[in-house]
């Protein structure tokens, strides 16, 4: 599983102009089961995406498709982790048994 931390590098007006295309991009990968959670940070200086079920090189290719990335509007920091605990009722991939 991955935490993708986006930090905006463009002006908010530029972010807003690209937002519909970014949301379409997110929807594509939610539908594919790659993205499991996404939303803006507070304060609005970027966003967070959780991704699961893919190899890192594929994730890098997917991130390169983001309109924010293509327009140079965001910097992406990716942290991979093994989910070993999951709150009851969450519909996320099963946690890894590795500790």
C-alpha atoms as a PDB file:
ATOM      1  CA  UNK A   1       0.000   0.000   0.000  1.00  0.00           C
ATOM      2  CA  UNK A   2       1.183   3.521  -0.724  1.00  0.00           C
ATOM      3  CA  UNK A   3       0.610   6.971   0.709  1.00  0.00           C
ATOM      4  CA  UNK A   4       0.963   9.553  -2.056  1.00  0.00           C
ATOM      5  CA  UNK A   5       1.496  13.032  -0.639  1.00  0.00           C
ATOM      6  CA  UNK A   6       0.942  15.759  -3.241  1.00  0.00           C
ATOM      7  CA  UNK A   7       2.302  19.236  -2.588  1.00  0.00           C
ATOM      8  CA  UNK A   8       1.098  21.914  -4.972  1.00  0.00           C
ATOM      9  CA  UNK A   9       3.861  23.751  -6.798  1.00  0.00           C
ATOM     10  CA  UNK A  10       1.546  25.857  -8.949  1.00  0.00           C
ATOM     11  CA  UNK A  11      -0.750  28.729  -8.014  1.00  0.00           C
ATOM     12  CA  UNK A  12      -4.213  27.770  -6.752  1.00  0.00           C
ATOM     13  CA  UNK A  13      -5.737  29.361  -9.859  1.00  0.00           C
ATOM     14  CA  UNK A  14      -3.716  26.903 -11.985  1.00  0.00           C
ATOM     15  CA  UNK A  15      -4.724  24.025  -9.699  1.00  0.00           C
ATOM     16  CA  UNK A  16      -8.378  25.004 -10.048  1.00  0.00           C
ATOM     17  CA  UNK A  17      -8.055  25.120 -13.853  1.00  0.00           C
ATOM     18  CA  UNK A  18      -6.725  21.533 -13.869  1.00  0.00           C
ATOM     19  CA  UNK A  19      -9.033  20.211 -11.136  1.00  0.00           C
ATOM     20  CA  UNK A  20     -11.730  18.675 -13.360  1.00  0.00           C
ATOM     21  CA  UNK A  21      -9.105  16.750 -15.342  1.00  0.00           C
ATOM     22  CA  UNK A  22      -7.441  15.649 -12.074  1.00  0.00           C
ATOM     23  CA  UNK A  23     -10.780  14.405 -10.711  1.00  0.00           C
ATOM     24  CA  UNK A  24     -11.419  12.455 -13.918  1.00  0.00           C
ATOM     25  CA  UNK A  25      -7.960  10.889 -13.538  1.00  0.00           C
ATOM     26  CA  UNK A  26      -8.728   9.957  -9.910  1.00  0.00           C
ATOM     27  CA  UNK A  27     -12.057   8.404 -10.886  1.00  0.00           C
ATOM     28  CA  UNK A  28     -10.350   6.246 -13.508  1.00  0.00           C
ATOM     29  CA  UNK A  29      -8.040   4.710 -10.927  1.00  0.00           C
ATOM     30  CA  UNK A  30     -10.727   4.403  -8.258  1.00  0.00           C
ATOM     31  CA  UNK A  31     -12.757   2.409 -10.794  1.00  0.00           C
ATOM     32  CA  UNK A  32      -9.695   0.251 -11.507  1.00  0.00           C
ATOM     33  CA  UNK A  33      -9.288  -0.460  -7.782  1.00  0.00           C
ATOM     34  CA  UNK A  34      -5.865   1.199  -7.536  1.00  0.00           C
ATOM     35  CA  UNK A  35      -6.835   4.269  -5.505  1.00  0.00           C
ATOM     36  CA  UNK A  36      -8.750   3.580  -2.293  1.00  0.00           C
ATOM     37  CA  UNK A  37      -8.829   7.008  -0.575  1.00  0.00           C
ATOM     38  CA  UNK A  38      -8.142  10.538  -1.847  1.00  0.00           C
ATOM     39  CA  UNK A  39      -8.751  14.091  -0.759  1.00  0.00           C
ATOM     40  CA  UNK A  40      -7.313  17.584  -0.346  1.00  0.00           C
ATOM     41  CA  UNK A  41      -5.104  18.517   2.581  1.00  0.00           C
ATOM     42  CA  UNK A  42      -6.150  21.150   5.101  1.00  0.00           C
ATOM     43  CA  UNK A  43      -4.928  23.789   4.550  1.00  0.00           C
ATOM     44  CA  UNK A  44      -5.283  23.403   0.795  1.00  0.00           C
ATOM     45  CA  UNK A  45      -1.657  23.026  -0.225  1.00  0.00           C
ATOM     46  CA  UNK A  46      -1.920  19.577  -1.792  1.00  0.00           C
ATOM     47  CA  UNK A  47      -3.650  16.251  -1.371  1.00  0.00           C
ATOM     48  CA  UNK A  48      -3.314  12.684  -0.151  1.00  0.00           C
ATOM     49  CA  UNK A  49      -4.026   9.494  -2.110  1.00  0.00           C
ATOM     50  CA  UNK A  50      -3.869   5.928  -0.796  1.00  0.00           C
ATOM     51  CA  UNK A  51      -3.126   3.316  -3.446  1.00  0.00           C
ATOM     52  CA  UNK A  52      -2.983  -0.446  -3.206  1.00  0.00           C
ATOM     53  CA  UNK A  53      -2.508  -3.652  -5.142  1.00  0.00           C
ATOM     54  CA  UNK A  54       0.156  -2.604  -7.654  1.00  0.00           C
ATOM     55  CA  UNK A  55       3.916  -2.577  -8.019  1.00  0.00           C
ATOM     56  CA  UNK A  56       5.821   0.654  -7.454  1.00  0.00           C
ATOM     57  CA  UNK A  57       6.913   1.015 -11.091  1.00  0.00           C
ATOM     58  CA  UNK A  58       3.271   0.830 -12.203  1.00  0.00           C
ATOM     59  CA  UNK A  59       2.317   3.424  -9.584  1.00  0.00           C
ATOM     60  CA  UNK A  60       5.023   5.744 -10.897  1.00  0.00           C
ATOM     61  CA  UNK A  61       3.550   5.414 -14.404  1.00  0.00           C
ATOM     62  CA  UNK A  62       0.040   6.114 -13.086  1.00  0.00           C
ATOM     63  CA  UNK A  63       1.207   9.226 -11.235  1.00  0.00           C
ATOM     64  CA  UNK A  64       2.848  10.481 -14.428  1.00  0.00           C
ATOM     65  CA  UNK A  65      -0.651  10.456 -16.001  1.00  0.00           C
ATOM     66  CA  UNK A  66      -2.039  12.909 -13.428  1.00  0.00           C
ATOM     67  CA  UNK A  67      -2.804  16.258 -15.081  1.00  0.00           C
ATOM     68  CA  UNK A  68      -1.197  17.968 -12.074  1.00  0.00           C
ATOM     69  CA  UNK A  69       2.039  16.077 -12.822  1.00  0.00           C
ATOM     70  CA  UNK A  70       1.833  16.667 -16.568  1.00  0.00           C
ATOM     71  CA  UNK A  71       1.416  20.416 -16.030  1.00  0.00           C
ATOM     72  CA  UNK A  72       4.105  20.636 -13.340  1.00  0.00           C
ATOM     73  CA  UNK A  73       1.578  21.699 -10.702  1.00  0.00           C
ATOM     74  CA  UNK A  74       2.467  19.226  -7.936  1.00  0.00           C
ATOM     75  CA  UNK A  75       5.365  17.394  -6.333  1.00  0.00           C
ATOM     76  CA  UNK A  76       4.682  13.790  -5.280  1.00  0.00           C
ATOM     77  CA  UNK A  77       6.191  12.036  -2.268  1.00  0.00           C
ATOM     78  CA  UNK A  78       5.411   8.312  -2.144  1.00  0.00           C
ATOM     79  CA  UNK A  79       5.695   6.175   0.971  1.00  0.00           C
ATOM     80  CA  UNK A  80       5.152   2.426   0.731  1.00  0.00           C
ATOM     81  CA  UNK A  81       3.973   0.559   3.808  1.00  0.00           C
ATOM     82  CA  UNK A  82       2.573  -2.819   4.816  1.00  0.00           C
ATOM     83  CA  UNK A  83      -0.873  -2.478   6.357  1.00  0.00           C
ATOM     84  CA  UNK A  84      -0.918  -4.897   9.290  1.00  0.00           C
ATOM     85  CA  UNK A  85      -4.051  -3.589  11.033  1.00  0.00           C
ATOM     86  CA  UNK A  86      -7.377  -2.439   9.659  1.00  0.00           C
ATOM     87  CA  UNK A  87     -10.333  -0.987  11.553  1.00  0.00           C
ATOM     88  CA  UNK A  88     -13.491  -3.127  11.414  1.00  0.00           C
ATOM     89  CA  UNK A  89     -15.889  -2.044   8.696  1.00  0.00           C
ATOM     90  CA  UNK A  90     -13.327  -0.492   6.366  1.00  0.00           C
ATOM     91  CA  UNK A  91     -13.554  -1.856   2.850  1.00  0.00           C
ATOM     92  CA  UNK A  92      -9.837  -1.841   2.051  1.00  0.00           C
ATOM     93  CA  UNK A  93      -7.468  -4.587   0.923  1.00  0.00           C
ATOM     94  CA  UNK A  94      -6.701  -7.172   3.597  1.00  0.00           C
ATOM     95  CA  UNK A  95      -3.729  -6.299   5.799  1.00  0.00           C
ATOM     96  CA  UNK A  96      -0.462  -8.085   5.259  1.00  0.00           C
ATOM     97  CA  UNK A  97       0.366 -10.806   7.776  1.00  0.00           C
ATOM     98  CA  UNK A  98       4.042  -9.767   7.615  1.00  0.00           C
ATOM     99  CA  UNK A  99       5.215  -7.657  10.533  1.00  0.00           C
END
